[in-house]
Amino acid sequence: MKIIVDAMGGDNAPEAVVEGAVMAVKERGVDVVLVGRQDAIEKLLKKAGAEALRDRISIINAEEVVDMEDDPTTVLRAKKNSSMAVALNLLKNGGGDACISAGSTGALLTGATLIVKRVRGIRRAAMAPVMPNGNKGALLIDCGANVECTSEYLLQFAYMGSFYAKNILGVVNPRVALLNVGAEDTKGGEIQKEAFAVLKQAGDEGHINFIGNIEAKDAFFDAAEVVVTDGFTGNVMLKTIEGTAKFLMTNLKDSFMSSGKTKIAALLMKDRLEDLKKVLDPSEVGGTAMLGISKPVIKAHGSSDARAIKNAIGQAVQFVDAGVTEEIIKNIDFMTIAKET
């Protein structure tokens, strides 16, 4: 399997990206294509002592870089020779099985949509990170790609999330829930009420395992494997989780370092605290899948270190092996709402 990696995307690129790619090749035996400034990548590969791996690592030169402040709607037209654009075109043309970038989320989503294209019949691609829930995790879909949604978008998110949870998280019959301000069927605005109706119909017909509405607080306690929402609400929820996790770990550290007794307690609890840190660390997952794109695209966190890039490559391998995109294509007829004439 060959994974295409935007070597210039992210806060720590290209150093962390190249290092993470080398780690993935060593540990997973995957082939990697690094797209970016060739001279810089060559030097980093040499520094990493990766000469023996060069039959598994190739480089495609791309001198331009997509910056975070660039306009996502025009950047891939203005910077056609950027590492991100070249990587996506390479994926489109069969130069690899999946693409990863830690660069601008908006630019990657726009590029994936315009270059690689959506699956025919999918109205909008969605971003779907996995949240901790005390079990195998819960997929939050969407988390920022679509600020405004229709009930049909949310229906398609539910199907795509269900396929991902089944094939990658390993859940036999994923529970699908609609994120809302209350669990009652009548809660929410017009979009939520419309979405509830079409999701319930899909559940009644046996296409998905729809369990109704859930509140945000329930998502962490194994209430569902797929949490469906619009991108605005999902992004606020995701950023709140990240901020709360950082706040919690910082304050736990301060508390345990406050006295001799608490330092001893910290030593006794070290293993459990490390487990908690891993659960809350987005680097453990590696990235966020862009569901609905015709070929696998993974958005790695902008601040990804080498370990996160390695894990994102591993996630891409899972994505390809699981055949999620193929299942979306196979079931597309169930995922649309007939228009009244």
Protein backbone atom coordinates (compact mmCIF):
# COMPACT_ATOMS: atom_id res chain seq x y z
CA MET A 1 0.00 0.00 0.00
CA LYS A 2 1.22 3.50 -0.82
CA ILE A 3 0.28 6.55 1.26
CA ILE A 4 0.78 10.08 -0.10
CA VAL A 5 1.89 12.60 2.55
CA ASP A 6 1.93 16.40 2.25
CA ALA A 7 5.39 16.92 3.75
CA MET A 8 5.01 20.71 4.06
CA GLY A 9 1.65 20.84 5.85
CA GLY A 10 1.38 21.60 9.58
CA ASP A 11 3.08 23.64 12.28
CA ASN A 12 6.00 21.22 12.60
CA ALA A 13 6.57 20.48 8.92
CA PRO A 14 8.62 19.21 7.29
CA GLU A 15 10.68 17.82 10.20
CA ALA A 16 7.88 16.06 12.10
CA VAL A 17 6.18 14.86 8.91
CA VAL A 18 9.32 13.24 7.51
CA GLU A 19 10.20 11.69 10.87
CA GLY A 20 6.67 10.32 11.27
CA ALA A 21 6.71 8.91 7.75
CA VAL A 22 9.99 7.11 8.44
CA MET A 23 8.49 5.68 11.64
CA ALA A 24 5.44 4.43 9.73
CA VAL A 25 7.56 2.75 7.07
CA LYS A 26 9.64 0.98 9.73
CA GLU A 27 6.73 -0.09 11.91
CA ARG A 28 3.99 -0.78 9.37
CA GLY A 29 5.89 -1.72 6.23
CA VAL A 30 3.88 0.76 4.18
CA ASP A 31 5.23 2.69 1.18
CA VAL A 32 5.17 6.48 1.47
CA VAL A 33 5.31 9.30 -1.08
CA LEU A 34 6.53 12.55 0.47
CA VAL A 35 5.39 15.63 -1.46
CA GLY A 36 7.23 18.89 -0.86
CA ARG A 37 10.56 20.65 -1.22
CA GLN A 38 12.86 17.87 -2.31
CA ASP A 39 16.15 19.29 -1.00
CA ALA A 40 14.73 19.76 2.50
CA ILE A 41 13.13 16.30 2.53
CA GLU A 42 16.34 14.64 1.31
CA LYS A 43 18.34 16.26 4.13
CA LEU A 44 15.81 15.16 6.75
CA LEU A 45 15.75 11.59 5.46
CA LYS A 46 19.53 11.49 5.63
CA LYS A 47 19.43 12.92 9.16
CA ALA A 48 16.95 10.20 10.14
CA GLY A 49 19.25 7.50 8.77
CA ALA A 50 16.60 6.34 6.33
CA GLU A 51 18.91 5.41 3.45
CA ALA A 52 18.02 1.72 3.78
CA LEU A 53 14.32 2.59 3.41
CA ARG A 54 14.60 4.59 0.20
CA ASP A 55 13.01 1.81 -1.85
CA ARG A 56 9.88 2.39 0.30
CA ILE A 57 10.04 6.20 0.41
CA SER A 58 9.78 8.36 -2.71
CA ILE A 59 9.75 12.13 -3.12
CA ILE A 60 7.69 14.32 -5.43
CA ASN A 61 9.02 17.86 -5.59
CA ALA A 62 6.62 20.74 -4.89
CA GLU A 63 8.13 24.11 -4.09
CA GLU A 64 5.01 26.02 -3.02
CA VAL A 65 3.39 25.71 0.42
CA VAL A 66 -0.20 26.36 1.49
CA ASP A 67 -0.10 28.73 4.45
CA MET A 68 -2.74 28.77 7.18
CA GLU A 69 -3.71 32.35 6.34
CA ASP A 70 -4.33 31.56 2.65
CA ASP A 71 -7.93 31.72 1.44
CA PRO A 72 -9.15 28.09 1.24
CA THR A 73 -11.51 28.81 -1.65
CA THR A 74 -8.80 30.08 -3.98
CA VAL A 75 -5.53 28.69 -2.67
CA LEU A 76 -5.45 25.53 -4.76
CA ARG A 77 -6.06 27.55 -7.91
CA ALA A 78 -3.46 30.16 -6.95
CA LYS A 79 -0.94 27.57 -5.73
CA LYS A 80 -1.31 24.67 -8.14
CA ASN A 81 2.27 23.61 -7.44
CA SER A 82 1.84 23.54 -3.67
CA SER A 83 2.61 20.33 -1.81
CA MET A 84 -1.07 19.93 -0.90
CA ALA A 85 -2.37 20.39 -4.45
CA VAL A 86 0.28 18.09 -5.93
CA ALA A 87 -0.47 15.43 -3.30
CA LEU A 88 -4.23 15.55 -4.00
CA ASN A 89 -3.68 15.39 -7.76
CA LEU A 90 -1.39 12.43 -7.23
CA LEU A 91 -4.17 10.67 -5.29
CA LYS A 92 -6.72 11.51 -7.98
CA ASN A 93 -4.49 10.06 -10.71
CA GLY A 94 -3.77 6.79 -8.91
CA GLY A 95 -0.33 7.65 -7.53
CA GLY A 96 -1.26 6.30 -4.10
CA ASP A 97 -4.07 4.76 -2.07
CA ALA A 98 -4.71 7.61 0.38
CA CYS A 99 -3.54 11.15 1.16
CA ILE A 100 -2.61 12.81 4.46
CA SER A 101 -2.02 16.47 5.27
CA ALA A 102 -1.62 18.44 8.49
CA GLY A 103 -2.06 21.70 6.58
CA SER A 104 -4.99 24.09 6.38
CA THR A 105 -8.27 22.25 7.01
CA GLY A 106 -10.26 24.55 4.74
CA ALA A 107 -7.78 24.24 1.89
CA LEU A 108 -7.60 20.44 2.23
CA LEU A 109 -11.39 20.10 2.24
CA THR A 110 -11.72 22.42 -0.75
CA GLY A 111 -8.92 20.64 -2.59
CA ALA A 112 -10.28 17.18 -1.84
CA THR A 113 -13.71 18.26 -3.08
CA LEU A 114 -12.51 20.01 -6.25
CA ILE A 115 -9.60 17.74 -7.20
CA VAL A 116 -10.33 14.25 -5.86
CA LYS A 117 -14.13 14.86 -5.98
CA ARG A 118 -16.95 13.63 -3.78
CA VAL A 119 -18.61 10.26 -4.20
CA ARG A 120 -21.38 10.73 -6.77
CA GLY A 121 -24.60 11.45 -4.88
CA ILE A 122 -22.96 12.69 -1.68
CA ARG A 123 -24.04 16.29 -1.13
CA ARG A 124 -21.21 17.33 1.20
CA ALA A 125 -18.08 15.67 2.53
CA ALA A 126 -17.87 15.53 6.32
CA MET A 127 -15.04 15.46 8.85
CA ALA A 128 -15.33 12.66 11.38
CA PRO A 129 -12.94 12.46 14.37
CA VAL A 130 -13.19 9.65 16.92
CA MET A 131 -13.96 10.81 20.48
CA PRO A 132 -13.25 8.79 23.63
CA ASN A 133 -16.37 7.19 25.11
CA GLY A 134 -15.10 4.51 27.47
CA ASN A 135 -15.34 1.83 24.80
CA LYS A 136 -14.19 1.73 21.16
CA GLY A 137 -14.84 5.43 20.65
CA ALA A 138 -17.61 7.52 19.14
CA LEU A 139 -17.45 9.10 15.71
CA LEU A 140 -18.46 12.78 15.68
CA ILE A 141 -19.77 13.73 12.23
CA ASP A 142 -19.55 16.57 11.15
CA CYS A 143 -16.92 18.52 13.12
CA GLY A 144 -16.49 21.62 10.97
CA ALA A 145 -16.73 21.01 7.24
CA ASN A 146 -20.36 22.14 6.94
CA VAL A 147 -21.48 25.00 9.16
CA GLU A 148 -25.00 24.95 7.73
CA CYS A 149 -26.67 21.62 7.00
CA THR A 150 -29.92 20.22 5.63
CA SER A 151 -31.65 17.12 6.91
CA GLU A 152 -30.35 15.24 3.86
CA TYR A 153 -26.75 16.14 4.75
CA LEU A 154 -27.30 14.81 8.27
CA LEU A 155 -28.88 11.64 6.91
CA GLN A 156 -25.83 11.03 4.73
CA PHE A 157 -23.51 11.77 7.65
CA ALA A 158 -25.35 9.10 9.65
CA TYR A 159 -24.85 6.47 6.95
CA MET A 160 -21.19 7.35 6.37
CA GLY A 161 -20.47 7.41 10.09
CA SER A 162 -22.18 4.06 10.53
CA PHE A 163 -20.05 2.48 7.78
CA TYR A 164 -16.88 3.90 9.37
CA ALA A 165 -17.79 2.69 12.86
CA LYS A 166 -18.62 -0.78 11.57
CA ASN A 167 -15.59 -1.26 9.34
CA ILE A 168 -12.88 0.61 11.26
CA LEU A 169 -13.99 0.78 14.91
CA GLY A 170 -15.22 -2.81 14.67
CA VAL A 171 -18.76 -2.22 15.96
CA VAL A 172 -21.17 -4.82 14.57
CA ASN A 173 -24.33 -2.66 14.65
CA PRO A 174 -23.28 0.95 15.41
CA ARG A 175 -25.76 3.03 17.36
CA VAL A 176 -26.44 6.32 15.56
CA ALA A 177 -27.64 9.32 17.56
CA LEU A 178 -28.54 12.90 16.68
CA LEU A 179 -26.82 15.49 18.86
CA ASN A 180 -29.47 17.75 20.37
CA VAL A 181 -30.33 19.94 23.34
CA GLY A 182 -32.37 17.13 24.89
CA ALA A 183 -33.15 13.46 24.43
CA GLU A 184 -36.87 13.95 23.73
CA ASP A 185 -38.06 13.40 20.14
CA THR A 186 -39.47 16.94 19.88
CA LYS A 187 -36.28 18.80 20.87
CA GLY A 188 -34.25 21.10 18.63
CA GLY A 189 -34.84 23.53 15.80
CA GLU A 190 -36.45 22.81 12.45
CA ILE A 191 -33.35 21.13 10.96
CA GLN A 192 -32.98 18.83 13.97
CA LYS A 193 -36.66 17.90 13.84
CA GLU A 194 -36.49 17.23 10.11
CA ALA A 195 -33.30 15.22 10.55
CA PHE A 196 -34.84 13.21 13.37
CA ALA A 197 -37.73 12.21 11.08
CA VAL A 198 -35.53 11.02 8.19
CA LEU A 199 -33.08 9.27 10.52
CA LYS A 200 -35.96 7.49 12.26
CA GLN A 201 -37.30 6.38 8.89
CA ALA A 202 -33.89 5.03 7.90
CA GLY A 203 -33.75 3.21 11.23
CA ASP A 204 -37.26 1.78 10.86
CA GLU A 205 -36.30 0.49 7.40
CA GLY A 206 -33.28 -1.27 8.90
CA HIS A 207 -30.59 0.73 7.09
CA ILE A 208 -29.02 2.24 10.22
CA ASN A 209 -29.38 1.66 13.96
CA PHE A 210 -30.87 5.03 14.91
CA ILE A 211 -31.45 5.40 18.66
CA GLY A 212 -32.77 8.99 18.77
CA ASN A 213 -31.42 12.20 20.27
CA ILE A 214 -28.58 12.46 22.79
CA GLU A 215 -27.10 15.38 24.68
CA ALA A 216 -23.40 16.24 24.40
CA LYS A 217 -22.63 15.02 27.93
CA ASP A 218 -23.87 11.51 27.07
CA ALA A 219 -21.48 11.07 24.14
CA PHE A 220 -18.61 10.30 26.55
CA PHE A 221 -20.47 7.51 28.33
CA ASP A 222 -20.94 4.99 25.53
CA ALA A 223 -24.36 6.30 24.52
CA ALA A 224 -23.69 5.84 20.79
CA GLU A 225 -20.93 4.97 18.34
CA VAL A 226 -21.95 7.65 15.80
CA VAL A 227 -22.94 11.17 16.86
CA VAL A 228 -24.51 13.16 14.00
CA THR A 229 -24.55 16.95 13.97
CA ASP A 230 -23.92 20.02 11.82
CA GLY A 231 -20.35 21.23 11.43
CA PHE A 232 -20.81 24.34 13.57
CA THR A 233 -22.12 22.45 16.60
CA GLY A 234 -19.67 19.60 16.08
CA ASN A 235 -16.68 21.94 15.88
CA VAL A 236 -17.70 23.77 19.07
CA MET A 237 -18.09 20.40 20.81
CA LEU A 238 -14.72 19.12 19.55
CA LYS A 239 -12.82 22.27 20.54
CA THR A 240 -14.49 22.23 23.96
CA ILE A 241 -13.34 18.63 24.44
CA GLU A 242 -9.78 19.51 23.46
CA GLY A 243 -9.70 22.53 25.75
CA THR A 244 -11.22 20.64 28.68
CA ALA A 245 -8.74 17.79 28.25
CA LYS A 246 -5.79 20.21 28.22
CA PHE A 247 -7.16 22.07 31.25
CA LEU A 248 -7.72 18.81 33.12
CA MET A 249 -4.25 17.41 32.47
CA THR A 250 -2.54 20.71 33.34
CA ASN A 251 -4.40 21.03 36.62
CA LEU A 252 -3.86 17.38 37.52
CA LYS A 253 -0.13 17.85 37.01
CA ASP A 254 -0.12 21.00 39.16
CA SER A 255 -2.09 19.21 41.88
CA PHE A 256 0.20 16.20 41.97
CA MET A 257 3.32 18.39 42.10
CA SER A 258 2.04 20.58 44.94
CA SER A 259 3.55 18.64 47.88
CA GLY A 260 5.63 15.64 48.85
CA LYS A 261 2.53 13.54 49.56
CA THR A 262 0.93 14.32 46.21
CA LYS A 263 4.19 13.56 44.39
CA ILE A 264 4.21 10.11 45.99
CA ALA A 265 0.57 9.69 44.94
CA ALA A 266 1.53 10.68 41.40
CA LEU A 267 4.20 7.96 41.32
CA LEU A 268 1.67 5.38 42.54
CA MET A 269 -0.83 6.47 39.89
CA LYS A 270 1.66 6.98 37.07
CA ASP A 271 0.41 4.13 34.88
CA ARG A 272 -3.24 5.12 35.23
CA LEU A 273 -2.44 8.77 34.52
CA GLU A 274 -0.53 7.74 31.38
CA ASP A 275 -3.59 5.73 30.28
CA LEU A 276 -5.81 8.78 30.84
CA LYS A 277 -3.40 10.99 28.91
CA LYS A 278 -3.50 8.59 25.96
CA VAL A 279 -7.30 8.54 25.96
CA LEU A 280 -7.42 12.34 25.78
CA ASP A 281 -4.51 12.77 23.35
CA PRO A 282 -5.64 13.35 19.71
CA SER A 283 -2.17 12.26 18.55
CA GLU A 284 -3.07 8.69 19.47
CA VAL A 285 -5.64 8.60 16.66
CA GLY A 286 -3.54 10.64 14.27
CA GLY A 287 -6.12 12.41 12.18
CA THR A 288 -9.67 12.98 11.05
CA ALA A 289 -11.21 11.13 8.13
CA MET A 290 -12.90 13.15 5.39
CA LEU A 291 -15.90 10.96 4.59
CA GLY A 292 -17.67 11.31 1.26
CA ILE A 293 -14.55 11.96 -0.82
CA SER A 294 -14.08 9.40 -3.60
CA LYS A 295 -10.66 8.34 -2.26
CA PRO A 296 -9.37 8.31 1.34
CA VAL A 297 -8.17 11.70 2.64
CA ILE A 298 -7.02 12.16 6.25
CA LYS A 299 -6.62 15.54 7.95
CA ALA A 300 -3.87 15.34 10.57
CA HIS A 301 -3.88 17.87 13.41
CA GLY A 302 -2.08 21.09 12.57
CA SER A 303 0.26 20.68 15.55
CA SER A 304 1.02 17.03 14.77
CA ASP A 305 4.34 15.68 15.98
CA ALA A 306 6.09 12.69 14.41
CA ARG A 307 4.03 10.18 16.42
CA ALA A 308 0.78 11.77 15.28
CA ILE A 309 1.88 11.64 11.63
CA LYS A 310 2.84 7.97 12.05
CA ASN A 311 -0.59 7.24 13.54
CA ALA A 312 -2.34 9.21 10.79
CA ILE A 313 -0.58 7.03 8.22
CA GLY A 314 -1.75 3.98 10.15
CA GLN A 315 -5.29 5.37 10.13
CA ALA A 316 -5.07 5.85 6.36
CA VAL A 317 -4.02 2.22 5.94
CA GLN A 318 -7.05 1.14 7.99
CA PHE A 319 -9.30 3.38 5.92
CA VAL A 320 -8.15 1.81 2.66
CA ASP A 321 -8.27 -1.76 3.96
CA ALA A 322 -11.76 -1.33 5.44
CA GLY A 323 -13.36 -0.31 2.14
CA VAL A 324 -15.49 2.45 3.69
CA THR A 325 -15.66 4.46 0.46
CA GLU A 326 -16.77 1.39 -1.47
CA GLU A 327 -19.58 0.78 1.02
CA ILE A 328 -20.74 4.39 0.69
CA ILE A 329 -20.88 3.97 -3.09
CA LYS A 330 -22.77 0.69 -2.78
CA ASN A 331 -25.45 2.20 -0.51
CA ILE A 332 -25.82 5.64 -2.11
CA ASP A 333 -29.40 4.95 -3.26
CA PHE A 334 -30.55 4.78 0.38
CA MET A 335 -28.77 7.99 1.29
CA THR A 336 -30.78 10.54 -0.63
CA ILE A 337 -34.14 12.17 0.00
CA ALA A 338 -36.53 12.10 -2.93
CA LYS A 339 -37.56 15.59 -4.08
CA GLU A 340 -41.23 16.36 -4.37
CA THR A 341 -42.43 17.20 -7.87
